[in-house]
Amino acid sequence: MLTALSDEGFRRLAAALITARAAPPPPPPEALHALLTTYVHFAHDNPAYFRLMFRPELTQPHKSPSGEKAANEAFAVLADTVTDCIAEGTAKLVDADDLAITLWSLVHGLASLWLDGQLDFRADDPAALTERVVTLATSLTKP
């Protein structure tokens, strides 16, 4: 049952990311900003799913092929957007997967800190802090 809930969390995350990049699609840099912000807000708005989705005992591919597929779809939205940014010259010419993983790591860590209450000691408004951090992260990707 936990695996099924984790799978559903990944499906919901993928849907949220796809919606953030939906028609009319914004230019890739704005789409990237939207995706990173959406990821953090998804975690904040769905803490039970988010915590469950990344439990190591539930994320092993052999445990749930459908969960693996949904997780890959969610990551692909980010990876494709990063690739688009690099292709159009609005992001540094680096390995797209490396950049996508770097950005994912940053927003995943930020989301986890917010959920764990750690940002409460660092910011009066964690949502505003999220916006500033995502803006900083995307500015660092520019050539």
C-alpha atoms as a PDB file:
ATOM      1  CA  MET A   1       0.000   0.000   0.000  1.00  0.00           C
ATOM      2  CA  LEU A   2       2.847   2.419   0.781  1.00  0.00           C
ATOM      3  CA  THR A   3       4.373   1.717  -2.610  1.00  0.00           C
ATOM      4  CA  ALA A   4       1.061   2.519  -4.301  1.00  0.00           C
ATOM      5  CA  LEU A   5       0.872   5.813  -2.398  1.00  0.00           C
ATOM      6  CA  SER A   6       4.449   6.638  -3.330  1.00  0.00           C
ATOM      7  CA  ASP A   7       3.652   5.890  -6.975  1.00  0.00           C
ATOM      8  CA  GLU A   8       0.651   8.208  -6.786  1.00  0.00           C
ATOM      9  CA  GLY A   9       2.860  10.933  -5.330  1.00  0.00           C
ATOM     10  CA  PHE A  10       5.231  10.670  -8.280  1.00  0.00           C
ATOM     11  CA  ARG A  11       2.301  10.753 -10.709  1.00  0.00           C
ATOM     12  CA  ARG A  12       0.993  13.895  -9.023  1.00  0.00           C
ATOM     13  CA  LEU A  13       4.430  15.503  -9.067  1.00  0.00           C
ATOM     14  CA  ALA A  14       4.858  14.695 -12.767  1.00  0.00           C
ATOM     15  CA  ALA A  15       1.417  16.175 -13.488  1.00  0.00           C
ATOM     16  CA  ALA A  16       2.253  19.338 -11.525  1.00  0.00           C
ATOM     17  CA  LEU A  17       5.533  19.767 -13.406  1.00  0.00           C
ATOM     18  CA  ILE A  18       3.877  19.145 -16.763  1.00  0.00           C
ATOM     19  CA  THR A  19       1.208  21.717 -15.896  1.00  0.00           C
ATOM     20  CA  ALA A  20       3.890  24.230 -14.895  1.00  0.00           C
ATOM     21  CA  ARG A  21       5.395  23.857 -18.346  1.00  0.00           C
ATOM     22  CA  ALA A  22       2.053  23.605 -20.182  1.00  0.00           C
ATOM     23  CA  ALA A  23       0.684  25.531 -23.142  1.00  0.00           C
ATOM     24  CA  PRO A  24       1.396  28.133 -23.966  1.00  0.00           C
ATOM     25  CA  PRO A  25       4.871  27.039 -23.009  1.00  0.00           C
ATOM     26  CA  PRO A  26       6.985  29.806 -21.542  1.00  0.00           C
ATOM     27  CA  PRO A  27      10.505  30.299 -22.864  1.00  0.00           C
ATOM     28  CA  PRO A  28      12.844  27.651 -21.416  1.00  0.00           C
ATOM     29  CA  PRO A  29      14.429  29.871 -18.719  1.00  0.00           C
ATOM     30  CA  GLU A  30      11.006  30.850 -17.369  1.00  0.00           C
ATOM     31  CA  ALA A  31       9.850  27.238 -17.608  1.00  0.00           C
ATOM     32  CA  LEU A  32      12.894  26.146 -15.612  1.00  0.00           C
ATOM     33  CA  HIS A  33      12.113  28.700 -12.917  1.00  0.00           C
ATOM     34  CA  ALA A  34       8.484  27.530 -12.809  1.00  0.00           C
ATOM     35  CA  LEU A  35       9.479  23.860 -12.544  1.00  0.00           C
ATOM     36  CA  LEU A  36      11.883  24.423  -9.674  1.00  0.00           C
ATOM     37  CA  THR A  37       9.342  26.516  -7.784  1.00  0.00           C
ATOM     38  CA  THR A  38       6.596  23.978  -8.472  1.00  0.00           C
ATOM     39  CA  TYR A  39       8.749  21.179  -7.073  1.00  0.00           C
ATOM     40  CA  VAL A  40       9.246  22.976  -3.755  1.00  0.00           C
ATOM     41  CA  HIS A  41       5.597  23.976  -3.497  1.00  0.00           C
ATOM     42  CA  PHE A  42       4.483  20.427  -4.362  1.00  0.00           C
ATOM     43  CA  ALA A  43       6.500  19.179  -1.399  1.00  0.00           C
ATOM     44  CA  HIS A  44       5.069  21.845   0.896  1.00  0.00           C
ATOM     45  CA  ASP A  45       1.492  21.206  -0.260  1.00  0.00           C
ATOM     46  CA  ASN A  46       1.838  17.391  -0.196  1.00  0.00           C
ATOM     47  CA  PRO A  47       4.210  16.604   2.677  1.00  0.00           C
ATOM     48  CA  ALA A  48       2.989  13.055   3.262  1.00  0.00           C
ATOM     49  CA  TYR A  49       3.392  12.121  -0.389  1.00  0.00           C
ATOM     50  CA  PHE A  50       6.741  13.881  -0.643  1.00  0.00           C
ATOM     51  CA  ARG A  51       8.219  12.145   2.381  1.00  0.00           C
ATOM     52  CA  LEU A  52       6.893   8.783   1.255  1.00  0.00           C
ATOM     53  CA  MET A  53       8.074   9.153  -2.346  1.00  0.00           C
ATOM     54  CA  PHE A  54      11.731   9.242  -1.404  1.00  0.00           C
ATOM     55  CA  ARG A  55      11.851   6.503   1.205  1.00  0.00           C
ATOM     56  CA  PRO A  56      14.683   4.229   0.038  1.00  0.00           C
ATOM     57  CA  GLU A  57      12.770   1.021   0.653  1.00  0.00           C
ATOM     58  CA  LEU A  58      10.007   2.203  -1.692  1.00  0.00           C
ATOM     59  CA  THR A  59      12.071   3.701  -4.505  1.00  0.00           C
ATOM     60  CA  GLN A  60      13.860   0.584  -5.671  1.00  0.00           C
ATOM     61  CA  PRO A  61      12.805  -0.016  -9.306  1.00  0.00           C
ATOM     62  CA  HIS A  62      11.995  -3.696  -8.757  1.00  0.00           C
ATOM     63  CA  LYS A  63       9.481  -2.706  -6.063  1.00  0.00           C
ATOM     64  CA  SER A  64       7.299  -0.694  -8.416  1.00  0.00           C
ATOM     65  CA  PRO A  65       7.816  -0.371 -12.157  1.00  0.00           C
ATOM     66  CA  SER A  66       4.901   2.085 -12.335  1.00  0.00           C
ATOM     67  CA  GLY A  67       6.484   4.239  -9.638  1.00  0.00           C
ATOM     68  CA  GLU A  68       9.788   4.183 -11.457  1.00  0.00           C
ATOM     69  CA  LYS A  69       8.022   5.257 -14.649  1.00  0.00           C
ATOM     70  CA  ALA A  70       6.270   8.153 -12.891  1.00  0.00           C
ATOM     71  CA  ALA A  71       9.508   9.265 -11.204  1.00  0.00           C
ATOM     72  CA  ASN A  72      11.315   9.160 -14.541  1.00  0.00           C
ATOM     73  CA  GLU A  73       8.540  11.203 -16.162  1.00  0.00           C
ATOM     74  CA  ALA A  74       8.828  13.855 -13.450  1.00  0.00           C
ATOM     75  CA  PHE A  75      12.602  14.061 -13.859  1.00  0.00           C
ATOM     76  CA  ALA A  76      12.295  14.105 -17.657  1.00  0.00           C
ATOM     77  CA  VAL A  77      10.267  17.325 -17.529  1.00  0.00           C
ATOM     78  CA  LEU A  78      13.149  18.990 -15.692  1.00  0.00           C
ATOM     79  CA  ALA A  79      15.854  17.362 -17.814  1.00  0.00           C
ATOM     80  CA  ASP A  80      14.121  18.320 -21.063  1.00  0.00           C
ATOM     81  CA  THR A  81      13.753  21.921 -19.911  1.00  0.00           C
ATOM     82  CA  VAL A  82      17.429  22.071 -18.940  1.00  0.00           C
ATOM     83  CA  THR A  83      18.334  20.641 -22.353  1.00  0.00           C
ATOM     84  CA  ASP A  84      16.183  23.321 -24.019  1.00  0.00           C
ATOM     85  CA  CYS A  85      17.933  26.051 -22.027  1.00  0.00           C
ATOM     86  CA  ILE A  86      21.359  24.752 -23.022  1.00  0.00           C
ATOM     87  CA  ALA A  87      20.316  24.377 -26.670  1.00  0.00           C
ATOM     88  CA  GLU A  88      19.073  27.960 -26.899  1.00  0.00           C
ATOM     89  CA  GLY A  89      22.130  29.307 -25.095  1.00  0.00           C
ATOM     90  CA  THR A  90      20.324  30.515 -21.967  1.00  0.00           C
ATOM     91  CA  ALA A  91      22.137  28.005 -19.748  1.00  0.00           C
ATOM     92  CA  LYS A  92      25.794  27.123 -19.501  1.00  0.00           C
ATOM     93  CA  LEU A  93      27.078  24.595 -21.983  1.00  0.00           C
ATOM     94  CA  VAL A  94      27.458  21.745 -19.506  1.00  0.00           C
ATOM     95  CA  ASP A  95      26.191  18.195 -19.343  1.00  0.00           C
ATOM     96  CA  ALA A  96      22.392  18.525 -19.216  1.00  0.00           C
ATOM     97  CA  ASP A  97      21.937  15.598 -16.813  1.00  0.00           C
ATOM     98  CA  ASP A  98      24.548  17.035 -14.443  1.00  0.00           C
ATOM     99  CA  LEU A  99      22.812  20.409 -14.438  1.00  0.00           C
ATOM    100  CA  ALA A 100      19.369  18.843 -13.987  1.00  0.00           C
ATOM    101  CA  ILE A 101      20.606  16.748 -11.051  1.00  0.00           C
ATOM    102  CA  THR A 102      22.280  19.797  -9.513  1.00  0.00           C
ATOM    103  CA  LEU A 103      19.065  21.822  -9.718  1.00  0.00           C
ATOM    104  CA  TRP A 104      16.957  18.901  -8.494  1.00  0.00           C
ATOM    105  CA  SER A 105      19.314  18.437  -5.541  1.00  0.00           C
ATOM    106  CA  LEU A 106      19.017  22.091  -4.642  1.00  0.00           C
ATOM    107  CA  VAL A 107      15.225  22.264  -4.724  1.00  0.00           C
ATOM    108  CA  HIS A 108      14.840  18.856  -3.073  1.00  0.00           C
ATOM    109  CA  GLY A 109      17.043  20.022  -0.226  1.00  0.00           C
ATOM    110  CA  LEU A 110      15.164  23.301   0.023  1.00  0.00           C
ATOM    111  CA  ALA A 111      11.828  21.460   0.051  1.00  0.00           C
ATOM    112  CA  SER A 112      13.059  19.080   2.754  1.00  0.00           C
ATOM    113  CA  LEU A 113      14.325  21.932   4.906  1.00  0.00           C
ATOM    114  CA  TRP A 114      10.960  23.687   4.612  1.00  0.00           C
ATOM    115  CA  LEU A 115       9.040  20.521   5.511  1.00  0.00           C
ATOM    116  CA  ASP A 116      11.310  19.814   8.460  1.00  0.00           C
ATOM    117  CA  GLY A 117      10.726  23.321   9.832  1.00  0.00           C
ATOM    118  CA  GLN A 118      14.315  24.413   9.386  1.00  0.00           C
ATOM    119  CA  LEU A 119      13.429  27.438   7.265  1.00  0.00           C
ATOM    120  CA  ASP A 120      11.205  28.757  10.034  1.00  0.00           C
ATOM    121  CA  PHE A 121      14.384  29.859  11.809  1.00  0.00           C
ATOM    122  CA  ARG A 122      15.905  31.414   8.687  1.00  0.00           C
ATOM    123  CA  ALA A 123      13.034  33.222   7.005  1.00  0.00           C
ATOM    124  CA  ASP A 124       9.805  34.921   7.951  1.00  0.00           C
ATOM    125  CA  ASP A 125       8.291  33.735   4.665  1.00  0.00           C
ATOM    126  CA  PRO A 126       9.583  30.374   3.355  1.00  0.00           C
ATOM    127  CA  ALA A 127       7.608  30.819   0.101  1.00  0.00           C
ATOM    128  CA  ALA A 128       9.365  34.136  -0.576  1.00  0.00           C
ATOM    129  CA  LEU A 129      12.687  32.521   0.324  1.00  0.00           C
ATOM    130  CA  THR A 130      11.908  29.737  -2.158  1.00  0.00           C
ATOM    131  CA  GLU A 131      11.399  32.344  -4.876  1.00  0.00           C
ATOM    132  CA  ARG A 132      14.716  34.027  -4.051  1.00  0.00           C
ATOM    133  CA  VAL A 133      16.629  30.732  -3.938  1.00  0.00           C
ATOM    134  CA  VAL A 134      15.150  29.539  -7.248  1.00  0.00           C
ATOM    135  CA  THR A 135      15.940  32.909  -8.849  1.00  0.00           C
ATOM    136  CA  LEU A 136      19.514  32.652  -7.593  1.00  0.00           C
ATOM    137  CA  ALA A 137      19.847  29.040  -8.779  1.00  0.00           C
ATOM    138  CA  THR A 138      18.601  29.812 -12.268  1.00  0.00           C
ATOM    139  CA  SER A 139      20.841  32.889 -12.495  1.00  0.00           C
ATOM    140  CA  LEU A 140      23.853  30.681 -11.755  1.00  0.00           C
ATOM    141  CA  THR A 141      23.041  28.474 -14.731  1.00  0.00           C
ATOM    142  CA  LYS A 142      23.331  31.333 -17.211  1.00  0.00           C
ATOM    143  CA  PRO A 143      26.345  31.451 -19.504  1.00  0.00           C
END
